[in-house]
Amino acid sequence: MSGYLASGEERKNESNEQLRLEEKLRRIRVQYQEGGIDRGEYQQESDLTKTAQDATRVLADNEVVHYGDQIEGLLDAPGGSDAGGATSC
């Protein structure tokens, strides 16, 4: 049970990180548009931030697959999906 609670907290943290990175991209774009940073610096910071966003999304996707595998394993276990006569469709 504590693993389930921890996974919820991890998803919340990942969501917060996504929001933080989206805000960073917005700030970088504004700085570039206002002339605060040059094109090279804008491109570098933008690329690094987008890479960080992608890495965060991959972690979230892998987590969903991981927990989905556990659920499928439970349904295949004796007394799993057939216990109540329900189907998995």
C-alpha atoms as a PDB file:
ATOM      1  CA  MET A   1       0.000   0.000   0.000  1.00  0.00           C
ATOM      2  CA  SER A   2       2.800   2.440   0.811  1.00  0.00           C
ATOM      3  CA  GLY A   3       4.188   1.874  -2.711  1.00  0.00           C
ATOM      4  CA  TYR A   4       0.879   3.002  -4.148  1.00  0.00           C
ATOM      5  CA  LEU A   5       0.888   6.145  -2.013  1.00  0.00           C
ATOM      6  CA  ALA A   6       4.478   6.870  -2.967  1.00  0.00           C
ATOM      7  CA  SER A   7       3.632   6.518  -6.651  1.00  0.00           C
ATOM      8  CA  GLY A   8       0.918   9.166  -6.268  1.00  0.00           C
ATOM      9  CA  GLU A   9       3.410  11.514  -4.651  1.00  0.00           C
ATOM     10  CA  GLU A  10       5.928  10.808  -7.433  1.00  0.00           C
ATOM     11  CA  ARG A  11       3.311  11.608 -10.084  1.00  0.00           C
ATOM     12  CA  LYS A  12       2.488  14.849  -8.274  1.00  0.00           C
ATOM     13  CA  ASN A  13       6.187  15.754  -8.206  1.00  0.00           C
ATOM     14  CA  GLU A  14       6.534  14.933 -11.915  1.00  0.00           C
ATOM     15  CA  SER A  15       3.502  17.072 -12.694  1.00  0.00           C
ATOM     16  CA  ASN A  16       4.987  19.949 -10.699  1.00  0.00           C
ATOM     17  CA  GLU A  17       8.272  19.498 -12.571  1.00  0.00           C
ATOM     18  CA  GLN A  18       6.438  19.628 -15.910  1.00  0.00           C
ATOM     19  CA  LEU A  19       4.742  22.870 -14.875  1.00  0.00           C
ATOM     20  CA  ARG A  20       8.070  24.337 -13.735  1.00  0.00           C
ATOM     21  CA  LEU A  21       9.734  23.437 -17.028  1.00  0.00           C
ATOM     22  CA  GLU A  22       6.850  24.869 -19.083  1.00  0.00           C
ATOM     23  CA  GLU A  23       7.183  28.119 -17.146  1.00  0.00           C
ATOM     24  CA  LYS A  24      10.942  28.122 -17.757  1.00  0.00           C
ATOM     25  CA  LEU A  25      10.369  27.750 -21.508  1.00  0.00           C
ATOM     26  CA  ARG A  26       7.961  30.675 -21.409  1.00  0.00           C
ATOM     27  CA  ARG A  27      10.478  32.852 -19.510  1.00  0.00           C
ATOM     28  CA  ILE A  28      13.271  31.935 -21.926  1.00  0.00           C
ATOM     29  CA  ARG A  29      11.071  32.852 -24.895  1.00  0.00           C
ATOM     30  CA  VAL A  30      10.157  36.217 -23.331  1.00  0.00           C
ATOM     31  CA  GLN A  31      13.814  36.974 -22.552  1.00  0.00           C
ATOM     32  CA  TYR A  32      14.745  36.227 -26.152  1.00  0.00           C
ATOM     33  CA  GLN A  33      11.889  38.312 -27.564  1.00  0.00           C
ATOM     34  CA  GLU A  34      12.844  41.257 -25.340  1.00  0.00           C
ATOM     35  CA  GLY A  35      16.518  40.997 -26.313  1.00  0.00           C
ATOM     36  CA  GLY A  36      17.727  39.803 -22.908  1.00  0.00           C
ATOM     37  CA  ILE A  37      19.468  36.763 -24.397  1.00  0.00           C
ATOM     38  CA  ASP A  38      20.836  36.055 -27.863  1.00  0.00           C
ATOM     39  CA  ARG A  39      19.537  33.408 -30.245  1.00  0.00           C
ATOM     40  CA  GLY A  40      22.276  30.879 -29.393  1.00  0.00           C
ATOM     41  CA  GLU A  41      21.626  31.082 -25.667  1.00  0.00           C
ATOM     42  CA  TYR A  42      17.872  30.902 -26.279  1.00  0.00           C
ATOM     43  CA  GLN A  43      18.259  27.807 -28.458  1.00  0.00           C
ATOM     44  CA  GLN A  44      20.589  26.090 -25.971  1.00  0.00           C
ATOM     45  CA  GLU A  45      18.369  26.760 -22.933  1.00  0.00           C
ATOM     46  CA  SER A  46      15.255  25.832 -24.869  1.00  0.00           C
ATOM     47  CA  ASP A  47      16.761  22.529 -26.057  1.00  0.00           C
ATOM     48  CA  LEU A  48      17.990  21.614 -22.568  1.00  0.00           C
ATOM     49  CA  THR A  49      14.609  22.417 -21.029  1.00  0.00           C
ATOM     50  CA  LYS A  50      12.708  20.423 -23.664  1.00  0.00           C
ATOM     51  CA  THR A  51      15.055  17.473 -23.090  1.00  0.00           C
ATOM     52  CA  ALA A  52      14.324  17.664 -19.361  1.00  0.00           C
ATOM     53  CA  GLN A  53      10.586  17.725 -20.130  1.00  0.00           C
ATOM     54  CA  ASP A  54      10.888  14.651 -22.343  1.00  0.00           C
ATOM     55  CA  ALA A  55      12.846  12.806 -19.649  1.00  0.00           C
ATOM     56  CA  THR A  56      10.152  13.568 -17.096  1.00  0.00           C
ATOM     57  CA  ARG A  57       7.416  12.354 -19.442  1.00  0.00           C
ATOM     58  CA  VAL A  58       9.286   9.110 -20.142  1.00  0.00           C
ATOM     59  CA  LEU A  59       9.515   8.409 -16.413  1.00  0.00           C
ATOM     60  CA  ALA A  60       5.785   8.928 -16.035  1.00  0.00           C
ATOM     61  CA  ASP A  61       5.017   6.682 -19.010  1.00  0.00           C
ATOM     62  CA  ASN A  62       7.280   3.901 -17.720  1.00  0.00           C
ATOM     63  CA  GLU A  63       5.626   4.121 -14.328  1.00  0.00           C
ATOM     64  CA  VAL A  64       2.186   3.615 -15.864  1.00  0.00           C
ATOM     65  CA  VAL A  65       3.376   0.581 -17.815  1.00  0.00           C
ATOM     66  CA  HIS A  66       5.024  -0.811 -14.687  1.00  0.00           C
ATOM     67  CA  TYR A  67       1.848  -0.533 -12.624  1.00  0.00           C
ATOM     68  CA  GLY A  68      -0.243  -1.819 -15.533  1.00  0.00           C
ATOM     69  CA  ASP A  69       1.913  -4.967 -15.597  1.00  0.00           C
ATOM     70  CA  GLN A  70       1.230  -5.486 -11.909  1.00  0.00           C
ATOM     71  CA  ILE A  71      -2.525  -5.162 -12.435  1.00  0.00           C
ATOM     72  CA  GLU A  72      -2.468  -7.629 -15.332  1.00  0.00           C
ATOM     73  CA  GLY A  73      -0.542 -10.040 -13.122  1.00  0.00           C
ATOM     74  CA  LEU A  74      -3.229  -9.762 -10.465  1.00  0.00           C
ATOM     75  CA  LEU A  75      -5.989 -10.428 -12.981  1.00  0.00           C
ATOM     76  CA  ASP A  76      -4.187 -13.531 -14.232  1.00  0.00           C
ATOM     77  CA  ALA A  77      -3.694 -14.841 -10.698  1.00  0.00           C
ATOM     78  CA  PRO A  78      -5.985 -17.583  -9.353  1.00  0.00           C
ATOM     79  CA  GLY A  79      -9.184 -15.948  -8.169  1.00  0.00           C
ATOM     80  CA  GLY A  80      -8.379 -12.835 -10.235  1.00  0.00           C
ATOM     81  CA  SER A  81     -10.683 -11.687 -13.016  1.00  0.00           C
ATOM     82  CA  ASP A  82     -12.769 -14.857 -13.101  1.00  0.00           C
ATOM     83  CA  ALA A  83     -13.637 -14.748  -9.390  1.00  0.00           C
ATOM     84  CA  GLY A  84     -16.598 -12.410  -9.840  1.00  0.00           C
ATOM     85  CA  GLY A  85     -17.537 -13.541 -13.339  1.00  0.00           C
ATOM     86  CA  ALA A  86     -16.398 -10.182 -14.740  1.00  0.00           C
ATOM     87  CA  THR A  87     -14.517  -9.861 -17.971  1.00  0.00           C
ATOM     88  CA  SER A  88     -11.538  -7.624 -18.581  1.00  0.00           C
ATOM     89  CA  CYS A  89     -12.988  -6.113 -21.767  1.00  0.00           C
END
